[in-house]
N, C-alpha and C. Protein backbone atom coordinates (compact mmCIF):
# COMPACT_ATOMS: atom_id res chain seq x y z
N MET A 1 29.22 -13.09 6.46
CA MET A 1 28.67 -12.39 5.32
C MET A 1 27.17 -12.25 5.47
N THR A 2 26.65 -11.12 5.06
CA THR A 2 25.22 -10.85 5.21
C THR A 2 24.59 -10.56 3.85
N THR A 3 23.28 -10.75 3.76
CA THR A 3 22.60 -10.51 2.49
C THR A 3 21.70 -9.28 2.56
N LYS A 4 21.96 -8.37 3.52
CA LYS A 4 21.17 -7.14 3.56
C LYS A 4 21.40 -6.37 2.26
N LYS A 5 20.53 -5.40 1.99
CA LYS A 5 20.63 -4.64 0.74
C LYS A 5 21.98 -3.93 0.65
N ILE A 6 22.70 -4.21 -0.41
CA ILE A 6 23.97 -3.55 -0.69
C ILE A 6 23.98 -3.18 -2.17
N ASP A 7 24.96 -2.40 -2.59
CA ASP A 7 24.97 -2.01 -3.99
C ASP A 7 25.33 -3.20 -4.88
N PHE A 8 25.01 -3.07 -6.14
CA PHE A 8 25.14 -4.16 -7.09
C PHE A 8 26.57 -4.69 -7.17
N GLU A 9 27.54 -3.80 -7.25
CA GLU A 9 28.93 -4.23 -7.40
C GLU A 9 29.39 -5.05 -6.20
N LYS A 10 29.04 -4.62 -5.00
CA LYS A 10 29.42 -5.38 -3.80
C LYS A 10 28.73 -6.73 -3.76
N ALA A 11 27.45 -6.75 -4.10
CA ALA A 11 26.70 -8.02 -4.11
C ALA A 11 27.29 -8.98 -5.12
N LEU A 12 27.60 -8.48 -6.31
CA LEU A 12 28.17 -9.33 -7.36
C LEU A 12 29.54 -9.85 -6.95
N HIS A 13 30.35 -9.00 -6.35
CA HIS A 13 31.68 -9.43 -5.89
C HIS A 13 31.56 -10.52 -4.82
N GLN A 14 30.67 -10.34 -3.87
CA GLN A 14 30.46 -11.36 -2.83
C GLN A 14 29.98 -12.66 -3.45
N LEU A 15 29.09 -12.57 -4.42
CA LEU A 15 28.58 -13.76 -5.09
C LEU A 15 29.70 -14.49 -5.83
N GLN A 16 30.55 -13.75 -6.52
CA GLN A 16 31.68 -14.36 -7.23
C GLN A 16 32.63 -15.05 -6.25
N THR A 17 32.86 -14.43 -5.11
CA THR A 17 33.74 -15.03 -4.10
C THR A 17 33.15 -16.34 -3.58
N ILE A 18 31.86 -16.33 -3.31
CA ILE A 18 31.19 -17.54 -2.82
C ILE A 18 31.26 -18.65 -3.86
N VAL A 19 31.02 -18.32 -5.13
CA VAL A 19 31.08 -19.32 -6.20
C VAL A 19 32.47 -19.94 -6.26
N GLU A 20 33.49 -19.10 -6.18
CA GLU A 20 34.87 -19.60 -6.21
C GLU A 20 35.14 -20.53 -5.03
N GLU A 21 34.66 -20.16 -3.85
CA GLU A 21 34.86 -21.00 -2.66
C GLU A 21 34.14 -22.34 -2.81
N LEU A 22 32.93 -22.31 -3.34
CA LEU A 22 32.17 -23.55 -3.51
C LEU A 22 32.80 -24.45 -4.58
N GLU A 23 33.34 -23.83 -5.62
CA GLU A 23 33.93 -24.61 -6.71
C GLU A 23 35.18 -25.37 -6.29
N THR A 24 35.84 -24.91 -5.23
CA THR A 24 37.04 -25.62 -4.78
C THR A 24 36.70 -27.00 -4.22
N GLY A 25 35.49 -27.13 -3.67
CA GLY A 25 35.08 -28.40 -3.08
C GLY A 25 35.75 -28.69 -1.75
N GLU A 26 36.40 -27.69 -1.20
CA GLU A 26 37.15 -27.89 0.05
C GLU A 26 36.40 -27.47 1.30
N LEU A 27 35.24 -26.87 1.16
CA LEU A 27 34.48 -26.42 2.33
C LEU A 27 33.77 -27.60 2.98
N PRO A 28 33.70 -27.61 4.31
CA PRO A 28 32.88 -28.62 4.98
C PRO A 28 31.42 -28.45 4.54
N LEU A 29 30.66 -29.53 4.58
CA LEU A 29 29.29 -29.51 4.09
C LEU A 29 28.45 -28.41 4.72
N ASP A 30 28.50 -28.27 6.04
CA ASP A 30 27.71 -27.23 6.72
C ASP A 30 28.06 -25.84 6.21
N GLU A 31 29.34 -25.57 6.06
CA GLU A 31 29.79 -24.27 5.57
C GLU A 31 29.37 -24.06 4.12
N ALA A 32 29.46 -25.10 3.30
CA ALA A 32 29.06 -25.01 1.90
C ALA A 32 27.57 -24.69 1.79
N ILE A 33 26.76 -25.31 2.62
CA ILE A 33 25.31 -25.05 2.61
C ILE A 33 25.03 -23.61 2.99
N LYS A 34 25.71 -23.11 4.03
CA LYS A 34 25.53 -21.71 4.44
C LYS A 34 25.92 -20.76 3.32
N LYS A 35 27.05 -21.02 2.68
CA LYS A 35 27.52 -20.17 1.58
C LYS A 35 26.54 -20.23 0.41
N PHE A 36 26.02 -21.42 0.12
CA PHE A 36 25.07 -21.57 -0.97
C PHE A 36 23.81 -20.74 -0.72
N LYS A 37 23.30 -20.76 0.51
CA LYS A 37 22.11 -19.98 0.85
C LYS A 37 22.38 -18.48 0.69
N ILE A 38 23.52 -18.03 1.17
CA ILE A 38 23.89 -16.62 1.03
C ILE A 38 24.03 -16.27 -0.45
N GLY A 39 24.69 -17.14 -1.21
CA GLY A 39 24.87 -16.91 -2.64
C GLY A 39 23.55 -16.84 -3.38
N SER A 40 22.62 -17.70 -3.01
CA SER A 40 21.30 -17.69 -3.65
C SER A 40 20.58 -16.37 -3.39
N ALA A 41 20.67 -15.88 -2.16
CA ALA A 41 20.04 -14.60 -1.82
C ALA A 41 20.71 -13.45 -2.56
N LEU A 42 22.03 -13.49 -2.68
CA LEU A 42 22.74 -12.45 -3.41
C LEU A 42 22.38 -12.47 -4.90
N ALA A 43 22.28 -13.66 -5.48
CA ALA A 43 21.92 -13.79 -6.88
C ALA A 43 20.52 -13.21 -7.12
N LYS A 44 19.60 -13.51 -6.23
CA LYS A 44 18.24 -12.98 -6.35
C LYS A 44 18.26 -11.46 -6.26
N GLN A 45 19.02 -10.93 -5.31
CA GLN A 45 19.12 -9.49 -5.14
C GLN A 45 19.72 -8.83 -6.39
N CYS A 46 20.75 -9.43 -6.98
CA CYS A 46 21.36 -8.88 -8.19
C CYS A 46 20.36 -8.87 -9.34
N LEU A 47 19.61 -9.95 -9.50
CA LEU A 47 18.61 -10.02 -10.56
C LEU A 47 17.53 -8.95 -10.38
N GLU A 48 17.10 -8.74 -9.14
CA GLU A 48 16.10 -7.72 -8.86
C GLU A 48 16.63 -6.32 -9.19
N MET A 49 17.90 -6.08 -8.86
CA MET A 49 18.50 -4.78 -9.18
C MET A 49 18.60 -4.60 -10.68
N LEU A 50 18.98 -5.64 -11.41
CA LEU A 50 19.07 -5.55 -12.87
C LEU A 50 17.70 -5.30 -13.49
N ASP A 51 16.68 -5.98 -12.97
CA ASP A 51 15.32 -5.75 -13.47
C ASP A 51 14.89 -4.30 -13.24
N SER A 52 15.24 -3.75 -12.08
CA SER A 52 14.91 -2.37 -11.76
C SER A 52 15.62 -1.41 -12.71
N ILE A 53 16.87 -1.68 -13.00
CA ILE A 53 17.64 -0.84 -13.91
C ILE A 53 17.07 -0.95 -15.32
N LYS A 54 16.65 -2.14 -15.71
CA LYS A 54 16.06 -2.34 -17.03
C LYS A 54 14.85 -1.43 -17.21
N VAL A 55 14.00 -1.33 -16.20
CA VAL A 55 12.82 -0.47 -16.26
C VAL A 55 13.25 0.99 -16.41
N LYS A 56 14.25 1.41 -15.67
CA LYS A 56 14.71 2.80 -15.76
C LYS A 56 15.27 3.09 -17.15
N VAL A 57 16.00 2.14 -17.72
CA VAL A 57 16.55 2.33 -19.06
C VAL A 57 15.43 2.44 -20.08
N GLU A 58 14.42 1.62 -19.95
CA GLU A 58 13.28 1.68 -20.86
C GLU A 58 12.60 3.04 -20.82
N GLU A 59 12.56 3.65 -19.68
CA GLU A 59 11.84 4.90 -19.53
C GLU A 59 12.56 6.09 -20.11
N VAL A 60 13.87 6.03 -20.31
CA VAL A 60 14.60 7.22 -20.74
C VAL A 60 15.30 7.07 -22.10
N VAL A 61 15.24 5.95 -22.72
CA VAL A 61 15.93 5.73 -23.98
C VAL A 61 15.09 6.26 -25.14
N GLY A 62 15.76 6.90 -26.08
CA GLY A 62 15.11 7.34 -27.31
C GLY A 62 14.60 8.76 -27.24
N GLU A 63 14.64 9.43 -28.38
CA GLU A 63 14.12 10.79 -28.45
C GLU A 63 13.52 10.97 -29.84
N GLU A 64 12.33 11.50 -29.88
CA GLU A 64 11.65 11.74 -31.15
C GLU A 64 11.01 13.12 -31.09
N LYS A 65 11.45 14.02 -31.96
CA LYS A 65 10.93 15.39 -32.01
C LYS A 65 11.04 16.09 -30.65
N GLY A 66 12.18 15.89 -29.99
CA GLY A 66 12.43 16.55 -28.73
C GLY A 66 11.74 15.95 -27.52
N LYS A 67 11.03 14.84 -27.70
CA LYS A 67 10.33 14.20 -26.59
C LYS A 67 10.92 12.83 -26.35
N LEU A 68 10.98 12.46 -25.08
CA LEU A 68 11.44 11.13 -24.74
C LEU A 68 10.40 10.11 -25.15
N LYS A 69 10.87 9.03 -25.65
CA LYS A 69 9.97 7.96 -26.08
C LYS A 69 10.41 6.66 -25.42
N ARG A 70 9.48 5.95 -24.87
CA ARG A 70 9.79 4.69 -24.20
C ARG A 70 10.01 3.60 -25.24
N LYS A 71 11.17 2.95 -25.10
CA LYS A 71 11.49 1.85 -25.98
C LYS A 71 11.83 0.64 -25.13
N PRO A 72 11.47 -0.56 -25.57
CA PRO A 72 11.79 -1.75 -24.80
C PRO A 72 13.30 -1.97 -24.74
N PHE A 73 13.75 -2.44 -23.61
CA PHE A 73 15.16 -2.77 -23.42
C PHE A 73 15.44 -4.12 -24.04
N LYS A 74 16.42 -4.19 -24.90
CA LYS A 74 16.81 -5.45 -25.53
C LYS A 74 18.28 -5.70 -25.24
N PRO A 75 18.57 -6.61 -24.29
CA PRO A 75 19.97 -6.88 -23.97
C PRO A 75 20.69 -7.51 -25.15
N GLU A 76 21.98 -7.20 -25.26
CA GLU A 76 22.79 -7.81 -26.31
C GLU A 76 23.17 -9.20 -25.88
N ASN A 77 23.11 -10.13 -26.79
CA ASN A 77 23.47 -11.52 -26.48
C ASN A 77 24.79 -11.87 -27.04
């Protein structure tokens, strides 16, 4: 598995797979460490992509008198 730039869905799927593998507790220590490092890089990449999308959403949301207006992105909790 590699951590080169991939689309969000693929990165998230790989991250979920790694988490499931680590949660079993059946991986040898060396393999678990390798998977953890890859998972950490994927998690960082996913967060960066989400931050980028957040900025794009802020830039296009809202309309006032026919003009786009920038509004802060507020995620639902």
